[in-house]
Amino acid sequence: MDVISVNERTAVRADTRAPAPAWTVDAVEALYALPFNDLMHRAQTVHREHFDANAVQLSTLLSIKTGGCPEDCGYCPQAARYHTGVENESLLSVDEVVAAARAAKEQGATRFCMGAAWRGPKQRDLERVADMVKAVRGLGMETCATLGMLKPGQAGQLKAAGLDYYNHNIDTAAEFYGEIVSTRTQDQRLDTLDQVREAGLHVCCGGIVGMGETRRTRAALIAQLANMDPYPESVPINNLVQVEGTPLDGAQALDPFEFVRTIACARITMPKAVVRLSAGRQEMPEGIQALCFLAGANSIFYGEKLLTTGNPEAEKDAALFKRLGLHAMEPHAG
């Protein structure tokens, strides 16, 4: 029997979305087990079939509402129940968000993501976010929002405001999910993703590694993402950033080559997706970042902060791009 199984409802979803999954957990685990050079070659070959091999999308993520979240995600410093030093702040104004987006665009970012620490947005807050989306879209930037779980009709409101992508990660494999979060189920996350698809929005969905999971759990995460029908257009791969005060502080750090392998597996199994090198990049040596680009990562978050944790400075990123011969990807939102 497989170590990683899925619950009954998730199995029903798999049957309706993808009757014959293209990627089994065993198949993805076999990718992970390839010699490193062979895996890199395969991932780079797939990458070049679908993308400019030297183009990377530059994105900026702004926390528009920080702290005070009622959830208990074990990795998150914004949970109200944890003592992490992150204060509960009010929702930013439209003017503040537009100023940040304009500054990001001046630094070369083409995608602007807005994140709020909510279980889900109240209607009055969603209307304010919709105004932010309209304003940022007016700057000519691709827009993304991550606001938690959505109620019926809210995804459509965001689409009408001009939102391009909605981010809602499944975090980890189904069987490991309960070890990380107890205040919501993974099925509730999938419900929100269903609403996003039905509204005609692009899906941004990935997960976090380095939370104490096994390689097979990581393979199951990648397989679950790859077998979505369709798979997400945007796949952020996050390396756990340990924050004092959260339950996952002190978790054994993931081997950096294992993280690169995860990027490569995401690229091979989801060849047309933009694979995002997301949280944890601050702690990565530049050589490991370069290997992630070789493995098929073609988007980074660019700027000083990724929500509440540090991110390499824009100048440092620009210098690395120059050394590697990389350039910014042109925006492609419709």
C-alpha atoms as a PDB file:
ATOM      1  CA  MET A   1       0.000   0.000   0.000  1.00  0.00           C
ATOM      2  CA  ASP A   2       1.266   3.482  -0.807  1.00  0.00           C
ATOM      3  CA  VAL A   3       2.463   5.544   2.133  1.00  0.00           C
ATOM      4  CA  ILE A   4       0.695   8.522   0.596  1.00  0.00           C
ATOM      5  CA  SER A   5      -3.005   8.048  -0.037  1.00  0.00           C
ATOM      6  CA  VAL A   6      -5.832  10.545  -0.413  1.00  0.00           C
ATOM      7  CA  ASN A   7      -9.070  10.915   1.489  1.00  0.00           C
ATOM      8  CA  GLU A   8     -12.346   9.887  -0.070  1.00  0.00           C
ATOM      9  CA  ARG A   9     -13.394  13.335  -1.201  1.00  0.00           C
ATOM     10  CA  THR A  10     -10.048  14.101  -2.768  1.00  0.00           C
ATOM     11  CA  ALA A  11     -10.250  10.776  -4.596  1.00  0.00           C
ATOM     12  CA  VAL A  12     -13.632  11.801  -6.016  1.00  0.00           C
ATOM     13  CA  ARG A  13     -12.116  15.074  -7.162  1.00  0.00           C
ATOM     14  CA  ALA A  14      -9.307  13.198  -8.880  1.00  0.00           C
ATOM     15  CA  ASP A  15     -11.848  10.994 -10.646  1.00  0.00           C
ATOM     16  CA  THR A  16     -13.826  13.975 -11.952  1.00  0.00           C
ATOM     17  CA  ARG A  17     -10.877  16.175 -12.874  1.00  0.00           C
ATOM     18  CA  ALA A  18      -8.440  13.655 -14.270  1.00  0.00           C
ATOM     19  CA  PRO A  19      -9.786  10.115 -14.690  1.00  0.00           C
ATOM     20  CA  ALA A  20      -6.344   8.847 -15.705  1.00  0.00           C
ATOM     21  CA  PRO A  21      -3.730  10.819 -13.739  1.00  0.00           C
ATOM     22  CA  ALA A  22      -0.715  11.609 -15.859  1.00  0.00           C
ATOM     23  CA  TRP A  23       1.606  11.429 -12.856  1.00  0.00           C
ATOM     24  CA  THR A  24       1.466   8.878 -10.077  1.00  0.00           C
ATOM     25  CA  VAL A  25       3.309   9.421  -6.807  1.00  0.00           C
ATOM     26  CA  ASP A  26       5.615   6.551  -7.763  1.00  0.00           C
ATOM     27  CA  ALA A  27       6.431   8.212 -11.082  1.00  0.00           C
ATOM     28  CA  VAL A  28       7.292  11.542  -9.466  1.00  0.00           C
ATOM     29  CA  GLU A  29       9.335   9.797  -6.790  1.00  0.00           C
ATOM     30  CA  ALA A  30      11.259   8.087  -9.595  1.00  0.00           C
ATOM     31  CA  LEU A  31      12.077  11.521 -11.022  1.00  0.00           C
ATOM     32  CA  TYR A  32      13.423  12.614  -7.641  1.00  0.00           C
ATOM     33  CA  ALA A  33      15.638   9.510  -7.580  1.00  0.00           C
ATOM     34  CA  LEU A  34      17.347  10.219 -10.909  1.00  0.00           C
ATOM     35  CA  PRO A  35      21.035  11.129 -10.844  1.00  0.00           C
ATOM     36  CA  PHE A  36      21.173  14.888 -10.298  1.00  0.00           C
ATOM     37  CA  ASN A  37      22.736  15.657 -13.691  1.00  0.00           C
ATOM     38  CA  ASP A  38      20.169  13.522 -15.500  1.00  0.00           C
ATOM     39  CA  LEU A  39      17.308  15.241 -13.688  1.00  0.00           C
ATOM     40  CA  MET A  40      18.711  18.684 -14.509  1.00  0.00           C
ATOM     41  CA  HIS A  41      19.117  17.762 -18.175  1.00  0.00           C
ATOM     42  CA  ARG A  42      15.563  16.479 -18.417  1.00  0.00           C
ATOM     43  CA  ALA A  43      14.104  19.520 -16.653  1.00  0.00           C
ATOM     44  CA  GLN A  44      16.104  21.967 -18.758  1.00  0.00           C
ATOM     45  CA  THR A  45      15.066  20.177 -21.949  1.00  0.00           C
ATOM     46  CA  VAL A  46      11.386  20.454 -20.993  1.00  0.00           C
ATOM     47  CA  HIS A  47      11.872  24.081 -19.962  1.00  0.00           C
ATOM     48  CA  ARG A  48      13.393  25.064 -23.305  1.00  0.00           C
ATOM     49  CA  GLU A  49      10.502  23.463 -25.180  1.00  0.00           C
ATOM     50  CA  HIS A  50       8.075  25.954 -23.640  1.00  0.00           C
ATOM     51  CA  PHE A  51       9.996  29.039 -22.459  1.00  0.00           C
ATOM     52  CA  ASP A  52      12.894  31.319 -23.191  1.00  0.00           C
ATOM     53  CA  ALA A  53      15.518  29.548 -21.081  1.00  0.00           C
ATOM     54  CA  ASN A  54      17.028  32.828 -19.883  1.00  0.00           C
ATOM     55  CA  ALA A  55      13.865  34.796 -19.112  1.00  0.00           C
ATOM     56  CA  VAL A  56      12.611  35.137 -15.537  1.00  0.00           C
ATOM     57  CA  GLN A  57       9.443  36.893 -14.473  1.00  0.00           C
ATOM     58  CA  LEU A  58      10.009  39.549 -11.807  1.00  0.00           C
ATOM     59  CA  SER A  59       7.187  39.735  -9.282  1.00  0.00           C
ATOM     60  CA  THR A  60       6.629  41.807  -6.167  1.00  0.00           C
ATOM     61  CA  LEU A  61       4.469  40.664  -3.269  1.00  0.00           C
ATOM     62  CA  LEU A  62       2.980  43.261  -0.945  1.00  0.00           C
ATOM     63  CA  SER A  63       1.262  42.419   2.335  1.00  0.00           C
ATOM     64  CA  ILE A  64      -1.837  44.617   2.131  1.00  0.00           C
ATOM     65  CA  LYS A  65      -3.176  43.332   5.456  1.00  0.00           C
ATOM     66  CA  THR A  66      -0.598  41.963   7.902  1.00  0.00           C
ATOM     67  CA  GLY A  67      -1.049  39.824  11.023  1.00  0.00           C
ATOM     68  CA  GLY A  68      -3.988  38.737  13.132  1.00  0.00           C
ATOM     69  CA  CYS A  69      -4.927  35.668  11.075  1.00  0.00           C
ATOM     70  CA  PRO A  70      -7.157  33.195  12.983  1.00  0.00           C
ATOM     71  CA  GLU A  71      -5.689  30.131  11.225  1.00  0.00           C
ATOM     72  CA  ASP A  72      -3.053  27.861  12.803  1.00  0.00           C
ATOM     73  CA  CYS A  73      -0.789  27.131   9.814  1.00  0.00           C
ATOM     74  CA  GLY A  74       2.367  25.866  11.487  1.00  0.00           C
ATOM     75  CA  TYR A  75       4.700  27.783   9.184  1.00  0.00           C
ATOM     76  CA  CYS A  76       3.047  31.200   9.348  1.00  0.00           C
ATOM     77  CA  PRO A  77       4.231  34.121  11.513  1.00  0.00           C
ATOM     78  CA  GLN A  78       0.972  35.988  10.828  1.00  0.00           C
ATOM     79  CA  ALA A  79      -1.173  33.616  12.890  1.00  0.00           C
ATOM     80  CA  ALA A  80      -2.601  35.527  15.847  1.00  0.00           C
ATOM     81  CA  ARG A  81      -2.059  32.586  18.201  1.00  0.00           C
ATOM     82  CA  TYR A  82       1.732  32.572  17.740  1.00  0.00           C
ATOM     83  CA  HIS A  83       4.115  35.029  19.391  1.00  0.00           C
ATOM     84  CA  THR A  84       6.282  36.063  16.462  1.00  0.00           C
ATOM     85  CA  GLY A  85       6.426  39.827  16.815  1.00  0.00           C
ATOM     86  CA  VAL A  86       4.168  40.369  13.779  1.00  0.00           C
ATOM     87  CA  GLU A  87       1.561  42.985  14.702  1.00  0.00           C
ATOM     88  CA  ASN A  88      -2.060  42.967  13.567  1.00  0.00           C
ATOM     89  CA  GLU A  89      -2.280  45.837  11.081  1.00  0.00           C
ATOM     90  CA  SER A  90      -5.139  47.433   9.187  1.00  0.00           C
ATOM     91  CA  LEU A  91      -5.788  47.005   5.484  1.00  0.00           C
ATOM     92  CA  LEU A  92      -3.671  49.394   3.444  1.00  0.00           C
ATOM     93  CA  SER A  93      -5.280  52.183   1.453  1.00  0.00           C
ATOM     94  CA  VAL A  94      -5.556  52.078  -2.323  1.00  0.00           C
ATOM     95  CA  ASP A  95      -3.074  54.955  -2.554  1.00  0.00           C
ATOM     96  CA  GLU A  96      -0.505  53.054  -0.480  1.00  0.00           C
ATOM     97  CA  VAL A  97      -0.850  49.984  -2.657  1.00  0.00           C
ATOM     98  CA  VAL A  98      -0.593  51.961  -5.899  1.00  0.00           C
ATOM     99  CA  ALA A  99       2.546  53.718  -4.639  1.00  0.00           C
ATOM    100  CA  ALA A 100       4.131  50.352  -3.841  1.00  0.00           C
ATOM    101  CA  ALA A 101       3.119  48.931  -7.211  1.00  0.00           C
ATOM    102  CA  ARG A 102       4.508  51.932  -9.060  1.00  0.00           C
ATOM    103  CA  ALA A 103       7.824  51.599  -7.194  1.00  0.00           C
ATOM    104  CA  ALA A 104       7.939  47.873  -7.990  1.00  0.00           C
ATOM    105  CA  LYS A 105       7.341  48.579 -11.669  1.00  0.00           C
ATOM    106  CA  GLU A 106      10.142  51.142 -11.678  1.00  0.00           C
ATOM    107  CA  GLN A 107      12.458  48.436 -10.302  1.00  0.00           C
ATOM    108  CA  GLY A 108      11.528  46.106 -13.140  1.00  0.00           C
ATOM    109  CA  ALA A 109       8.681  44.024 -11.703  1.00  0.00           C
ATOM    110  CA  THR A 110       5.934  43.110 -14.187  1.00  0.00           C
ATOM    111  CA  ARG A 111       3.682  41.219 -11.777  1.00  0.00           C
ATOM    112  CA  PHE A 112       2.244  42.635  -8.548  1.00  0.00           C
ATOM    113  CA  CYS A 113       0.818  40.309  -5.928  1.00  0.00           C
ATOM    114  CA  MET A 114      -1.332  41.446  -2.992  1.00  0.00           C
ATOM    115  CA  GLY A 115      -1.588  39.259   0.096  1.00  0.00           C
ATOM    116  CA  ALA A 116      -3.880  39.591   3.096  1.00  0.00           C
ATOM    117  CA  ALA A 117      -3.743  37.628   6.362  1.00  0.00           C
ATOM    118  CA  TRP A 118      -7.382  36.591   6.434  1.00  0.00           C
ATOM    119  CA  ARG A 119      -9.196  33.284   6.728  1.00  0.00           C
ATOM    120  CA  GLY A 120     -11.269  34.820   3.963  1.00  0.00           C
ATOM    121  CA  PRO A 121     -12.237  38.377   2.970  1.00  0.00           C
ATOM    122  CA  LYS A 122     -15.364  40.103   4.232  1.00  0.00           C
ATOM    123  CA  GLN A 123     -17.395  41.686   1.474  1.00  0.00           C
ATOM    124  CA  ARG A 124     -16.488  45.257   2.458  1.00  0.00           C
ATOM    125  CA  ASP A 125     -12.796  44.324   2.400  1.00  0.00           C
ATOM    126  CA  LEU A 126     -13.133  42.538  -0.932  1.00  0.00           C
ATOM    127  CA  GLU A 127     -14.574  45.696  -2.461  1.00  0.00           C
ATOM    128  CA  ARG A 128     -11.523  47.653  -1.310  1.00  0.00           C
ATOM    129  CA  VAL A 129      -9.214  44.984  -2.717  1.00  0.00           C
ATOM    130  CA  ALA A 130     -11.111  45.149  -6.008  1.00  0.00           C
ATOM    131  CA  ASP A 131     -10.322  48.878  -6.137  1.00  0.00           C
ATOM    132  CA  MET A 132      -6.635  48.049  -5.567  1.00  0.00           C
ATOM    133  CA  VAL A 133      -6.693  45.498  -8.368  1.00  0.00           C
ATOM    134  CA  LYS A 134      -8.233  47.998 -10.793  1.00  0.00           C
ATOM    135  CA  ALA A 135      -5.628  50.605  -9.914  1.00  0.00           C
ATOM    136  CA  VAL A 136      -2.650  48.250 -10.225  1.00  0.00           C
ATOM    137  CA  ARG A 137      -3.985  46.816 -13.479  1.00  0.00           C
ATOM    138  CA  GLY A 138      -4.195  50.401 -14.693  1.00  0.00           C
ATOM    139  CA  LEU A 139      -0.416  50.636 -14.321  1.00  0.00           C
ATOM    140  CA  GLY A 140      -0.067  47.862 -16.910  1.00  0.00           C
ATOM    141  CA  MET A 141       1.055  45.227 -14.412  1.00  0.00           C
ATOM    142  CA  GLU A 142      -0.092  41.626 -14.146  1.00  0.00           C
ATOM    143  CA  THR A 143      -2.104  41.226 -10.950  1.00  0.00           C
ATOM    144  CA  CYS A 144      -2.363  38.459  -8.383  1.00  0.00           C
ATOM    145  CA  ALA A 145      -4.110  38.273  -5.012  1.00  0.00           C
ATOM    146  CA  THR A 146      -4.024  35.855  -2.098  1.00  0.00           C
ATOM    147  CA  LEU A 147      -6.804  36.585   0.351  1.00  0.00           C
ATOM    148  CA  GLY A 148      -7.663  33.196   1.836  1.00  0.00           C
ATOM    149  CA  MET A 149     -10.842  31.226   1.218  1.00  0.00           C
ATOM    150  CA  LEU A 150     -13.426  32.803  -1.067  1.00  0.00           C
ATOM    151  CA  LYS A 151     -17.192  32.794  -0.745  1.00  0.00           C
ATOM    152  CA  PRO A 152     -19.422  32.152  -3.781  1.00  0.00           C
ATOM    153  CA  GLY A 153     -19.350  35.126  -6.126  1.00  0.00           C
ATOM    154  CA  GLN A 154     -16.173  36.710  -4.741  1.00  0.00           C
ATOM    155  CA  ALA A 155     -13.878  35.236  -7.393  1.00  0.00           C
ATOM    156  CA  GLY A 156     -16.164  36.717 -10.036  1.00  0.00           C
ATOM    157  CA  GLN A 157     -15.892  40.137  -8.414  1.00  0.00           C
ATOM    158  CA  LEU A 158     -12.118  39.936  -8.498  1.00  0.00           C
ATOM    159  CA  LYS A 159     -12.209  38.853 -12.148  1.00  0.00           C
ATOM    160  CA  ALA A 160     -14.448  41.813 -12.989  1.00  0.00           C
ATOM    161  CA  ALA A 161     -11.958  44.138 -11.284  1.00  0.00           C
ATOM    162  CA  GLY A 162      -9.207  42.905 -13.606  1.00  0.00           C
ATOM    163  CA  LEU A 163      -7.441  40.310 -11.472  1.00  0.00           C
ATOM    164  CA  ASP A 164      -5.296  37.933 -13.519  1.00  0.00           C
ATOM    165  CA  TYR A 165      -4.299  35.280 -10.961  1.00  0.00           C
ATOM    166  CA  TYR A 166      -5.567  34.081  -7.602  1.00  0.00           C
ATOM    167  CA  ASN A 167      -3.068  32.372  -5.314  1.00  0.00           C
ATOM    168  CA  HIS A 168      -4.219  29.651  -2.956  1.00  0.00           C
ATOM    169  CA  ASN A 169      -1.617  27.008  -2.149  1.00  0.00           C
ATOM    170  CA  ILE A 170      -2.476  23.451  -1.151  1.00  0.00           C
ATOM    171  CA  ASP A 171       0.659  23.611   1.046  1.00  0.00           C
ATOM    172  CA  THR A 172       1.576  19.916   1.136  1.00  0.00           C
ATOM    173  CA  ALA A 173       0.376  16.428   0.226  1.00  0.00           C
ATOM    174  CA  ALA A 174      -3.133  15.502   1.347  1.00  0.00           C
ATOM    175  CA  GLU A 175      -2.057  12.965   3.948  1.00  0.00           C
ATOM    176  CA  PHE A 176       0.465  15.334   5.567  1.00  0.00           C
ATOM    177  CA  TYR A 177      -1.781  18.396   5.506  1.00  0.00           C
ATOM    178  CA  GLY A 178      -3.316  17.764   8.935  1.00  0.00           C
ATOM    179  CA  GLU A 179       0.162  17.811  10.473  1.00  0.00           C
ATOM    180  CA  ILE A 180       0.565  21.434   9.376  1.00  0.00           C
ATOM    181  CA  VAL A 181      -2.912  23.003   9.552  1.00  0.00           C
ATOM    182  CA  SER A 182      -5.979  22.078  11.636  1.00  0.00           C
ATOM    183  CA  THR A 183      -8.235  25.137  11.271  1.00  0.00           C
ATOM    184  CA  ARG A 184      -9.150  24.358   7.666  1.00  0.00           C
ATOM    185  CA  THR A 185      -9.019  21.293   5.455  1.00  0.00           C
ATOM    186  CA  GLN A 186      -7.273  20.895   2.162  1.00  0.00           C
ATOM    187  CA  ASP A 187     -10.684  20.269   0.606  1.00  0.00           C
ATOM    188  CA  GLN A 188     -11.685  23.805   1.602  1.00  0.00           C
ATOM    189  CA  ARG A 189      -8.646  25.065  -0.278  1.00  0.00           C
ATOM    190  CA  LEU A 190      -9.693  23.005  -3.298  1.00  0.00           C
ATOM    191  CA  ASP A 191     -13.196  24.499  -3.088  1.00  0.00           C
ATOM    192  CA  THR A 192     -11.704  27.985  -3.421  1.00  0.00           C
ATOM    193  CA  LEU A 193      -9.593  26.845  -6.369  1.00  0.00           C
ATOM    194  CA  ASP A 194     -12.755  25.498  -8.020  1.00  0.00           C
ATOM    195  CA  GLN A 195     -14.395  28.909  -7.646  1.00  0.00           C
ATOM    196  CA  VAL A 196     -11.324  30.618  -9.083  1.00  0.00           C
ATOM    197  CA  ARG A 197     -11.418  28.372 -12.156  1.00  0.00           C
ATOM    198  CA  GLU A 198     -15.149  28.834 -12.614  1.00  0.00           C
ATOM    199  CA  ALA A 199     -14.700  32.616 -12.552  1.00  0.00           C
ATOM    200  CA  GLY A 200     -12.179  32.433 -15.390  1.00  0.00           C
ATOM    201  CA  LEU A 201      -9.182  33.463 -13.296  1.00  0.00           C
ATOM    202  CA  HIS A 202      -5.753  31.901 -13.690  1.00  0.00           C
ATOM    203  CA  VAL A 203      -4.683  29.683 -10.799  1.00  0.00           C
ATOM    204  CA  CYS A 204      -1.522  30.218  -8.791  1.00  0.00           C
ATOM    205  CA  CYS A 205      -1.097  27.168  -6.561  1.00  0.00           C
ATOM    206  CA  GLY A 206       1.913  25.406  -5.089  1.00  0.00           C
ATOM    207  CA  GLY A 207       3.266  24.309  -1.767  1.00  0.00           C
ATOM    208  CA  ILE A 208       5.953  24.426   0.891  1.00  0.00           C
ATOM    209  CA  VAL A 209       8.772  21.953   1.415  1.00  0.00           C
ATOM    210  CA  GLY A 210      11.136  21.591   4.352  1.00  0.00           C
ATOM    211  CA  MET A 211       8.336  21.144   6.919  1.00  0.00           C
ATOM    212  CA  GLY A 212       9.538  17.739   8.099  1.00  0.00           C
ATOM    213  CA  GLU A 213       7.901  15.810   5.274  1.00  0.00           C
ATOM    214  CA  THR A 214       9.456  12.831   3.476  1.00  0.00           C
ATOM    215  CA  ARG A 215      10.579  12.777  -0.135  1.00  0.00           C
ATOM    216  CA  ARG A 216       7.497  10.693  -0.929  1.00  0.00           C
ATOM    217  CA  THR A 217       5.325  13.417   0.570  1.00  0.00           C
ATOM    218  CA  ARG A 218       7.040  15.948  -1.678  1.00  0.00           C
ATOM    219  CA  ALA A 219       6.437  13.666  -4.650  1.00  0.00           C
ATOM    220  CA  ALA A 220       2.765  13.397  -3.659  1.00  0.00           C
ATOM    221  CA  LEU A 221       2.486  17.197  -3.505  1.00  0.00           C
ATOM    222  CA  ILE A 222       3.921  17.560  -7.011  1.00  0.00           C
ATOM    223  CA  ALA A 223       1.698  14.752  -8.333  1.00  0.00           C
ATOM    224  CA  GLN A 224      -1.416  16.349  -6.846  1.00  0.00           C
ATOM    225  CA  LEU A 225      -0.604  19.684  -8.469  1.00  0.00           C
ATOM    226  CA  ALA A 226       0.292  18.103 -11.811  1.00  0.00           C
ATOM    227  CA  ASN A 227      -2.932  16.074 -11.910  1.00  0.00           C
ATOM    228  CA  MET A 228      -5.196  19.078 -11.475  1.00  0.00           C
ATOM    229  CA  ASP A 229      -7.199  19.545 -14.646  1.00  0.00           C
ATOM    230  CA  PRO A 230      -5.789  21.823 -15.829  1.00  0.00           C
ATOM    231  CA  TYR A 231      -2.697  22.112 -13.690  1.00  0.00           C
ATOM    232  CA  PRO A 232      -1.998  25.609 -12.271  1.00  0.00           C
ATOM    233  CA  GLU A 233      -0.618  28.213 -14.664  1.00  0.00           C
ATOM    234  CA  SER A 234       1.595  29.429 -11.818  1.00  0.00           C
ATOM    235  CA  VAL A 235       3.300  27.080  -9.327  1.00  0.00           C
ATOM    236  CA  PRO A 236       5.137  28.668  -6.384  1.00  0.00           C
ATOM    237  CA  ILE A 237       7.600  26.339  -4.665  1.00  0.00           C
ATOM    238  CA  ASN A 238       8.422  27.611  -1.176  1.00  0.00           C
ATOM    239  CA  ASN A 239      11.266  26.493   1.076  1.00  0.00           C
ATOM    240  CA  LEU A 240      10.193  26.825   4.704  1.00  0.00           C
ATOM    241  CA  VAL A 241      11.412  30.027   6.345  1.00  0.00           C
ATOM    242  CA  GLN A 242      11.633  29.163  10.013  1.00  0.00           C
ATOM    243  CA  VAL A 243      10.297  31.931  12.247  1.00  0.00           C
ATOM    244  CA  GLU A 244      10.758  31.910  16.010  1.00  0.00           C
ATOM    245  CA  GLY A 245       7.423  31.405  17.731  1.00  0.00           C
ATOM    246  CA  THR A 246       5.875  29.199  15.053  1.00  0.00           C
ATOM    247  CA  PRO A 247       5.468  25.435  15.585  1.00  0.00           C
ATOM    248  CA  LEU A 248       7.822  24.638  12.712  1.00  0.00           C
ATOM    249  CA  ASP A 249      10.691  26.673  14.095  1.00  0.00           C
ATOM    250  CA  GLY A 250      13.519  24.196  14.621  1.00  0.00           C
ATOM    251  CA  ALA A 251      12.451  21.793  11.865  1.00  0.00           C
ATOM    252  CA  GLN A 252      15.332  20.018  10.168  1.00  0.00           C
ATOM    253  CA  ALA A 253      16.454  22.103   7.209  1.00  0.00           C
ATOM    254  CA  LEU A 254      15.926  20.602   3.773  1.00  0.00           C
ATOM    255  CA  ASP A 255      19.009  19.630   1.773  1.00  0.00           C
ATOM    256  CA  PRO A 256      19.312  22.432  -0.817  1.00  0.00           C
ATOM    257  CA  PHE A 257      19.813  19.919  -3.627  1.00  0.00           C
ATOM    258  CA  GLU A 258      16.526  18.304  -2.619  1.00  0.00           C
ATOM    259  CA  PHE A 259      14.877  21.699  -3.074  1.00  0.00           C
ATOM    260  CA  VAL A 260      16.408  21.973  -6.558  1.00  0.00           C
ATOM    261  CA  ARG A 261      15.088  18.494  -7.320  1.00  0.00           C
ATOM    262  CA  THR A 262      11.615  19.675  -6.299  1.00  0.00           C
ATOM    263  CA  ILE A 263      11.832  22.593  -8.738  1.00  0.00           C
ATOM    264  CA  ALA A 264      12.919  20.185 -11.487  1.00  0.00           C
ATOM    265  CA  CYS A 265      10.055  17.784 -10.779  1.00  0.00           C
ATOM    266  CA  ALA A 266       7.574  20.661 -10.913  1.00  0.00           C
ATOM    267  CA  ARG A 267       8.979  21.759 -14.270  1.00  0.00           C
ATOM    268  CA  ILE A 268       8.874  18.272 -15.800  1.00  0.00           C
ATOM    269  CA  THR A 269       5.355  17.458 -14.598  1.00  0.00           C
ATOM    270  CA  MET A 270       3.873  20.894 -15.349  1.00  0.00           C
ATOM    271  CA  PRO A 271       5.821  21.936 -18.446  1.00  0.00           C
ATOM    272  CA  LYS A 272       3.825  25.048 -19.379  1.00  0.00           C
ATOM    273  CA  ALA A 273       3.469  26.459 -15.865  1.00  0.00           C
ATOM    274  CA  VAL A 274       5.474  29.385 -14.578  1.00  0.00           C
ATOM    275  CA  VAL A 275       7.427  27.805 -11.718  1.00  0.00           C
ATOM    276  CA  ARG A 276       8.070  30.340  -8.978  1.00  0.00           C
ATOM    277  CA  LEU A 277      11.145  30.303  -6.791  1.00  0.00           C
ATOM    278  CA  SER A 278       9.350  31.749  -3.776  1.00  0.00           C
ATOM    279  CA  ALA A 279       9.870  31.862   0.002  1.00  0.00           C
ATOM    280  CA  GLY A 280      13.255  30.817   1.326  1.00  0.00           C
ATOM    281  CA  ARG A 281      15.332  32.418  -1.414  1.00  0.00           C
ATOM    282  CA  GLN A 282      16.911  34.813   1.116  1.00  0.00           C
ATOM    283  CA  GLU A 283      18.648  31.861   2.744  1.00  0.00           C
ATOM    284  CA  MET A 284      19.804  30.268  -0.522  1.00  0.00           C
ATOM    285  CA  PRO A 285      23.367  30.695  -1.773  1.00  0.00           C
ATOM    286  CA  GLU A 286      23.500  32.188  -5.248  1.00  0.00           C
ATOM    287  CA  GLY A 287      24.817  28.905  -6.642  1.00  0.00           C
ATOM    288  CA  ILE A 288      21.682  27.085  -5.469  1.00  0.00           C
ATOM    289  CA  GLN A 289      19.496  29.808  -6.968  1.00  0.00           C
ATOM    290  CA  ALA A 290      21.347  29.364 -10.265  1.00  0.00           C
ATOM    291  CA  LEU A 291      20.641  25.627 -10.142  1.00  0.00           C
ATOM    292  CA  CYS A 292      16.952  26.387  -9.536  1.00  0.00           C
ATOM    293  CA  PHE A 293      16.888  28.467 -12.723  1.00  0.00           C
ATOM    294  CA  LEU A 294      18.622  25.612 -14.546  1.00  0.00           C
ATOM    295  CA  ALA A 295      15.975  23.251 -13.152  1.00  0.00           C
ATOM    296  CA  GLY A 296      13.203  25.352 -14.680  1.00  0.00           C
ATOM    297  CA  ALA A 297      12.285  28.056 -12.174  1.00  0.00           C
ATOM    298  CA  ASN A 298      11.329  31.119 -14.193  1.00  0.00           C
ATOM    299  CA  SER A 299       9.832  33.552 -11.713  1.00  0.00           C
ATOM    300  CA  ILE A 300      11.064  35.173  -8.516  1.00  0.00           C
ATOM    301  CA  PHE A 301       9.673  37.589  -5.985  1.00  0.00           C
ATOM    302  CA  TYR A 302      11.696  40.738  -6.327  1.00  0.00           C
ATOM    303  CA  GLY A 303      12.153  43.293  -3.574  1.00  0.00           C
ATOM    304  CA  GLU A 304      12.810  43.629   0.134  1.00  0.00           C
ATOM    305  CA  LYS A 305      10.095  41.448   1.675  1.00  0.00           C
ATOM    306  CA  LEU A 306       8.013  38.396   0.891  1.00  0.00           C
ATOM    307  CA  LEU A 307       4.974  39.150   3.074  1.00  0.00           C
ATOM    308  CA  THR A 308       6.730  39.306   6.480  1.00  0.00           C
ATOM    309  CA  THR A 309      10.039  37.531   5.813  1.00  0.00           C
ATOM    310  CA  GLY A 310      13.122  38.865   4.072  1.00  0.00           C
ATOM    311  CA  ASN A 311      13.784  38.626   0.354  1.00  0.00           C
ATOM    312  CA  PRO A 312      16.994  39.460  -1.546  1.00  0.00           C
ATOM    313  CA  GLU A 313      17.289  43.138  -2.420  1.00  0.00           C
ATOM    314  CA  ALA A 314      16.448  44.148  -5.966  1.00  0.00           C
ATOM    315  CA  GLU A 315      19.994  45.353  -6.625  1.00  0.00           C
ATOM    316  CA  LYS A 316      21.459  42.040  -5.526  1.00  0.00           C
ATOM    317  CA  ASP A 317      19.037  40.172  -7.765  1.00  0.00           C
ATOM    318  CA  ALA A 318      19.892  42.410 -10.713  1.00  0.00           C
ATOM    319  CA  ALA A 319      23.583  41.688 -10.187  1.00  0.00           C
ATOM    320  CA  LEU A 320      22.943  37.931 -10.095  1.00  0.00           C
ATOM    321  CA  PHE A 321      20.864  38.145 -13.271  1.00  0.00           C
ATOM    322  CA  LYS A 322      23.730  39.957 -14.994  1.00  0.00           C
ATOM    323  CA  ARG A 323      26.237  37.312 -13.926  1.00  0.00           C
ATOM    324  CA  LEU A 324      23.973  34.517 -15.171  1.00  0.00           C
ATOM    325  CA  GLY A 325      22.904  36.263 -18.380  1.00  0.00           C
ATOM    326  CA  LEU A 326      19.246  36.259 -17.356  1.00  0.00           C
ATOM    327  CA  HIS A 327      16.689  38.898 -18.323  1.00  0.00           C
ATOM    328  CA  ALA A 328      13.197  39.877 -17.245  1.00  0.00           C
ATOM    329  CA  MET A 329      10.257  38.117 -18.832  1.00  0.00           C
ATOM    330  CA  GLU A 330       7.768  40.311 -20.624  1.00  0.00           C
ATOM    331  CA  PRO A 331       4.298  40.532 -19.031  1.00  0.00           C
ATOM    332  CA  HIS A 332       1.795  38.218 -20.650  1.00  0.00           C
ATOM    333  CA  ALA A 333      -1.488  38.840 -18.855  1.00  0.00           C
ATOM    334  CA  GLY A 334      -4.548  39.131 -21.037  1.00  0.00           C
END
